[in-house]
Amino acid sequence: MGSGTGDVTTHGGAFDYVTHTDWLATATGRLGYDLGPDVVPYITAGLAVGDVGASTRGGASVQNTSDTKAGWTAGAGMEAPLPLSLLKIRVEYRYVDFGQVNGPDGLGGTSPLSIHQHLLRLGLSLRL
């Protein structure tokens, strides 16, 4: 299970378009191969669920939309031991895609907007 949030602002003409992820949860599986001394490169993929939306800012108005949406996530990483045998470090890249949402266009209508994220994660684990 993972989590994260993010905002992306795009400037277009008289309006600023902001896509956002208020919360993000993932459920993934990992497939890896032990290269020796506990060094494990792996790939990961699964389900992503989040509260995603969009808003426009400009002129005299602000328009917002938000919805819980399911998408997918995929990535790759590597796990390796640190000099102390009980500690492992992990670095992982993940791409999260929620497809398109209909966001406000700033003129009272809607416009299709793509919502995706690139995540880089660093982890430390203790083996008991």
C-alpha atoms as a PDB file:
ATOM      1  CA  MET A   1       0.000   0.000   0.000  1.00  0.00           C
ATOM      2  CA  GLY A   2       1.369   3.424  -0.901  1.00  0.00           C
ATOM      3  CA  SER A   3       0.166   6.980  -0.675  1.00  0.00           C
ATOM      4  CA  GLY A   4       0.923  10.439  -2.038  1.00  0.00           C
ATOM      5  CA  THR A   5      -0.600  13.669  -3.277  1.00  0.00           C
ATOM      6  CA  GLY A   6       0.225  16.292  -5.872  1.00  0.00           C
ATOM      7  CA  ASP A   7      -0.865  19.368  -7.793  1.00  0.00           C
ATOM      8  CA  VAL A   8       0.077  20.310 -11.361  1.00  0.00           C
ATOM      9  CA  THR A   9      -0.588  23.812 -12.700  1.00  0.00           C
ATOM     10  CA  THR A  10      -0.761  24.563 -16.433  1.00  0.00           C
ATOM     11  CA  HIS A  11      -0.952  28.145 -17.666  1.00  0.00           C
ATOM     12  CA  GLY A  12      -3.215  28.581 -20.693  1.00  0.00           C
ATOM     13  CA  GLY A  13      -4.364  31.932 -21.944  1.00  0.00           C
ATOM     14  CA  ALA A  14      -6.496  33.775 -19.397  1.00  0.00           C
ATOM     15  CA  PHE A  15      -6.834  30.744 -17.096  1.00  0.00           C
ATOM     16  CA  ASP A  16      -4.608  28.557 -14.915  1.00  0.00           C
ATOM     17  CA  TYR A  17      -5.645  24.890 -14.993  1.00  0.00           C
ATOM     18  CA  VAL A  18      -4.776  22.895 -11.848  1.00  0.00           C
ATOM     19  CA  THR A  19      -5.101  19.112 -11.707  1.00  0.00           C
ATOM     20  CA  HIS A  20      -4.737  17.571  -8.286  1.00  0.00           C
ATOM     21  CA  THR A  21      -4.694  14.344  -6.336  1.00  0.00           C
ATOM     22  CA  ASP A  22      -5.946  14.997  -2.809  1.00  0.00           C
ATOM     23  CA  TRP A  23      -5.157  11.451  -1.701  1.00  0.00           C
ATOM     24  CA  LEU A  24      -3.748   8.368  -3.373  1.00  0.00           C
ATOM     25  CA  ALA A  25      -3.694   4.717  -2.291  1.00  0.00           C
ATOM     26  CA  THR A  26      -2.160   1.813  -4.194  1.00  0.00           C
ATOM     27  CA  ALA A  27      -2.323  -1.970  -3.869  1.00  0.00           C
ATOM     28  CA  THR A  28       0.450  -3.642  -5.841  1.00  0.00           C
ATOM     29  CA  GLY A  29       2.328  -6.866  -6.282  1.00  0.00           C
ATOM     30  CA  ARG A  30       6.080  -7.212  -6.797  1.00  0.00           C
ATOM     31  CA  LEU A  31       8.065  -9.646  -8.903  1.00  0.00           C
ATOM     32  CA  GLY A  32      11.823  -9.712  -8.405  1.00  0.00           C
ATOM     33  CA  TYR A  33      14.944 -11.801  -8.658  1.00  0.00           C
ATOM     34  CA  ASP A  34      17.643 -12.177  -5.987  1.00  0.00           C
ATOM     35  CA  LEU A  35      20.951 -11.371  -7.710  1.00  0.00           C
ATOM     36  CA  GLY A  36      22.946 -12.470  -4.680  1.00  0.00           C
ATOM     37  CA  PRO A  37      23.708 -11.010  -1.252  1.00  0.00           C
ATOM     38  CA  ASP A  38      20.056  -9.861  -0.993  1.00  0.00           C
ATOM     39  CA  VAL A  39      20.217  -7.423  -3.964  1.00  0.00           C
ATOM     40  CA  VAL A  40      16.771  -7.665  -5.562  1.00  0.00           C
ATOM     41  CA  PRO A  41      15.672  -5.702  -8.654  1.00  0.00           C
ATOM     42  CA  TYR A  42      11.902  -5.907  -9.125  1.00  0.00           C
ATOM     43  CA  ILE A  43       8.904  -4.709 -11.099  1.00  0.00           C
ATOM     44  CA  THR A  44       5.603  -3.738  -9.529  1.00  0.00           C
ATOM     45  CA  ALA A  45       2.071  -3.133 -10.797  1.00  0.00           C
ATOM     46  CA  GLY A  46      -1.437  -2.853  -9.480  1.00  0.00           C
ATOM     47  CA  LEU A  47      -4.458  -0.760  -8.638  1.00  0.00           C
ATOM     48  CA  ALA A  48      -4.447   2.954  -7.808  1.00  0.00           C
ATOM     49  CA  VAL A  49      -7.399   4.756  -6.216  1.00  0.00           C
ATOM     50  CA  GLY A  50      -7.479   8.450  -5.431  1.00  0.00           C
ATOM     51  CA  ASP A  51      -9.509  11.605  -5.055  1.00  0.00           C
ATOM     52  CA  VAL A  52      -8.613  13.418  -8.269  1.00  0.00           C
ATOM     53  CA  GLY A  53      -9.924  16.609  -9.732  1.00  0.00           C
ATOM     54  CA  ALA A  54      -9.276  19.836 -11.534  1.00  0.00           C
ATOM     55  CA  SER A  55      -9.884  23.539 -11.146  1.00  0.00           C
ATOM     56  CA  THR A  56      -9.493  26.678 -13.201  1.00  0.00           C
ATOM     57  CA  ARG A  57      -8.450  30.055 -11.883  1.00  0.00           C
ATOM     58  CA  GLY A  58      -8.645  33.243 -13.852  1.00  0.00           C
ATOM     59  CA  GLY A  59     -10.812  36.236 -14.482  1.00  0.00           C
ATOM     60  CA  ALA A  60     -13.400  36.645 -11.737  1.00  0.00           C
ATOM     61  CA  SER A  61     -14.244  32.964 -11.234  1.00  0.00           C
ATOM     62  CA  VAL A  62     -12.858  29.740  -9.840  1.00  0.00           C
ATOM     63  CA  GLN A  63     -14.366  26.396 -10.895  1.00  0.00           C
ATOM     64  CA  ASN A  64     -13.611  23.073  -9.191  1.00  0.00           C
ATOM     65  CA  THR A  65     -14.379  19.400  -9.753  1.00  0.00           C
ATOM     66  CA  SER A  66     -13.324  16.394  -7.673  1.00  0.00           C
ATOM     67  CA  ASP A  67     -14.128  12.668  -7.704  1.00  0.00           C
ATOM     68  CA  THR A  68     -12.797   9.361  -6.382  1.00  0.00           C
ATOM     69  CA  LYS A  69     -11.373   7.497  -9.349  1.00  0.00           C
ATOM     70  CA  ALA A  70      -9.638   4.142  -9.935  1.00  0.00           C
ATOM     71  CA  GLY A  71      -6.611   3.784 -12.190  1.00  0.00           C
ATOM     72  CA  TRP A  72      -3.445   1.760 -12.475  1.00  0.00           C
ATOM     73  CA  THR A  73       0.174   1.968 -11.400  1.00  0.00           C
ATOM     74  CA  ALA A  74       3.384   0.280 -12.582  1.00  0.00           C
ATOM     75  CA  GLY A  75       7.042   0.711 -11.792  1.00  0.00           C
ATOM     76  CA  ALA A  76      10.405  -0.798 -10.973  1.00  0.00           C
ATOM     77  CA  GLY A  77      12.864  -0.667  -8.150  1.00  0.00           C
ATOM     78  CA  MET A  78      15.794  -2.232  -6.361  1.00  0.00           C
ATOM     79  CA  GLU A  79      16.297  -3.382  -2.791  1.00  0.00           C
ATOM     80  CA  ALA A  80      19.748  -3.937  -1.280  1.00  0.00           C
ATOM     81  CA  PRO A  81      21.239  -4.481   2.181  1.00  0.00           C
ATOM     82  CA  LEU A  82      23.151  -1.757   3.989  1.00  0.00           C
ATOM     83  CA  PRO A  83      26.424  -2.523   5.813  1.00  0.00           C
ATOM     84  CA  LEU A  84      24.466  -3.411   8.959  1.00  0.00           C
ATOM     85  CA  SER A  85      22.879  -6.767   8.125  1.00  0.00           C
ATOM     86  CA  LEU A  86      19.498  -5.811   9.635  1.00  0.00           C
ATOM     87  CA  LEU A  87      18.914  -2.772   7.373  1.00  0.00           C
ATOM     88  CA  LYS A  88      17.798  -2.684   3.734  1.00  0.00           C
ATOM     89  CA  ILE A  89      17.418   0.302   1.428  1.00  0.00           C
ATOM     90  CA  ARG A  90      14.936   0.474  -1.441  1.00  0.00           C
ATOM     91  CA  VAL A  91      14.585   2.920  -4.329  1.00  0.00           C
ATOM     92  CA  GLU A  92      11.515   2.736  -6.547  1.00  0.00           C
ATOM     93  CA  TYR A  93       9.965   4.601  -9.479  1.00  0.00           C
ATOM     94  CA  ARG A  94       6.197   4.443 -10.046  1.00  0.00           C
ATOM     95  CA  TYR A  95       3.903   5.777 -12.737  1.00  0.00           C
ATOM     96  CA  VAL A  96       0.256   6.318 -11.721  1.00  0.00           C
ATOM     97  CA  ASP A  97      -2.447   6.896 -14.347  1.00  0.00           C
ATOM     98  CA  PHE A  98      -6.075   7.844 -13.700  1.00  0.00           C
ATOM     99  CA  GLY A  99      -6.926   8.431 -17.363  1.00  0.00           C
ATOM    100  CA  GLN A 100      -8.989  11.517 -18.107  1.00  0.00           C
ATOM    101  CA  VAL A 101     -11.404  13.541 -16.014  1.00  0.00           C
ATOM    102  CA  ASN A 102     -13.769  16.232 -17.220  1.00  0.00           C
ATOM    103  CA  GLY A 103     -12.429  19.392 -15.643  1.00  0.00           C
ATOM    104  CA  PRO A 104     -13.855  22.881 -15.806  1.00  0.00           C
ATOM    105  CA  ASP A 105     -12.687  24.915 -18.799  1.00  0.00           C
ATOM    106  CA  GLY A 106     -13.059  28.309 -17.106  1.00  0.00           C
ATOM    107  CA  LEU A 107     -15.932  29.300 -19.401  1.00  0.00           C
ATOM    108  CA  GLY A 108     -18.727  27.314 -17.761  1.00  0.00           C
ATOM    109  CA  GLY A 109     -18.133  24.094 -19.717  1.00  0.00           C
ATOM    110  CA  THR A 110     -15.819  21.119 -19.306  1.00  0.00           C
ATOM    111  CA  SER A 111     -12.598  19.973 -20.910  1.00  0.00           C
ATOM    112  CA  PRO A 112     -10.940  16.512 -20.781  1.00  0.00           C
ATOM    113  CA  LEU A 113      -7.796  16.582 -18.621  1.00  0.00           C
ATOM    114  CA  SER A 114      -5.274  13.773 -18.143  1.00  0.00           C
ATOM    115  CA  ILE A 115      -4.269  12.991 -14.549  1.00  0.00           C
ATOM    116  CA  HIS A 116      -1.093  11.006 -13.962  1.00  0.00           C
ATOM    117  CA  GLN A 117       1.906  11.137 -11.639  1.00  0.00           C
ATOM    118  CA  HIS A 118       5.543  10.092 -11.633  1.00  0.00           C
ATOM    119  CA  LEU A 119       6.672   9.066  -8.149  1.00  0.00           C
ATOM    120  CA  LEU A 120      10.181   8.379  -6.875  1.00  0.00           C
ATOM    121  CA  ARG A 121      10.261   6.637  -3.512  1.00  0.00           C
ATOM    122  CA  LEU A 122      13.119   5.871  -1.147  1.00  0.00           C
ATOM    123  CA  GLY A 123      12.615   3.412   1.695  1.00  0.00           C
ATOM    124  CA  LEU A 124      14.523   1.947   4.615  1.00  0.00           C
ATOM    125  CA  SER A 125      13.451  -1.292   6.294  1.00  0.00           C
ATOM    126  CA  LEU A 126      14.594  -3.116   9.398  1.00  0.00           C
ATOM    127  CA  ARG A 127      14.632  -6.896   9.371  1.00  0.00           C
ATOM    128  CA  LEU A 128      13.849  -8.440  12.771  1.00  0.00           C
END
